[in-house]
Amino acid sequence: MNSTAQPERVLASASPYHYTPTRAVCILFVILFAVSTLWHAFNGVRYRLWWVFPTIFLAGGGETAGWIGRTMSSYNVTNRSGFMIQIVCLILAPTPLLASIFIIFSNLAQKIGTSYSRLTPRLYSRVFLTCDIIALVIQGGGGGIAAGAVTESSQKLGSNVMLIGIIFQTVAMVVFMLLATEFFVRYAANRPARPGAGGARAYGAALHPKVKLMAIGTSAATLFLFVRAIYRLFELADGWNGPINSTQWYFDVFDGGMITLAMYSLNVFHPGPLLFAVPDDAAAADAQKQAYATVDSLPMKQV
């Protein structure tokens, strides 16, 4: 037997993961992310949504690269190249995906009615995209430190910096989710937050069906990203050598799985046909038609 051959399983102490990534799982995620990313690229060109490329496409490319890194580690877990690729790519990739959520929601608010929103659509984009960039810089710095760490102290420093970035991003997500929830609640109750902003619906009006589907898809993707952020918070807070970071299926399900679901949610409920292909006045026209139908159905009092 060749003593230099890579064993099927190495001692946990020799692996920066504390396990050897399962090759079949890694390859599956590479395929899933590659397919989703190419699908988004096709629709981005088809519907001329060029912002998809620095957001969703970039996120998908980062996830694909990260899982390629984990696949490399499945062949040789002691080779640090694969580990460095995955730690940087997989901590950063969801950030541009979250940016796409902010862009989509700001356009949703414009279609549904800006009067129900605390912020203007432009402010949503500016405030939360700025938070996203700050989180990206912090996490990128921490990921770089952790990937290049040669001592336990420098590895811990990188982990702590990444944790700060994740905390900042999660707080921004919570604020965004609260504002978005209030927006939809106010729309359902027809109680504008800014009555003078315009866009309030007529009595009895319903959402345009395509816009409603886009709202469902965006909500689902946001929820999946939030679950992943909570997992990462616990993982990094638990420490590099903690049981959460050392358990492979946690990572596969709550990181890879959640980002996969978020990506495919936006594939199925794509903003191209469901949001940007709907004219600005289509939702209003549909609402007005619904309102007239409601009024016509009311019993008329005989004089």
Foldseek 3Di string as FASTA:
>chain_A
DDPPADDQWDQLVLALLSTQDDLVLLVVLLVLLVVLLVLLVVLCVVLVVVLCCQAVNQLSVLSNQLSVLSNVCSRPRNPLPSVLSNLLSLLQSCLSPVLVLLLLVLLLCLLQDVQLAPDHSVCSNVVLNVLSVVLNVQLNVLSVQLSPDPDQVSVLVSLVSNLVSLVSNLVSLVVVVVRSVSSVVCLVVQNGPHVVRDNRFDPQFDFDVLSVLLVVLSVLLSVLVNQLSVLSNCVSVQPSPGPSSNDVVNCSCNRSVSNSSSSVSCSVSPCSVRRPVQDSCNRRVRRVVSNVVVVVPDDDDDD
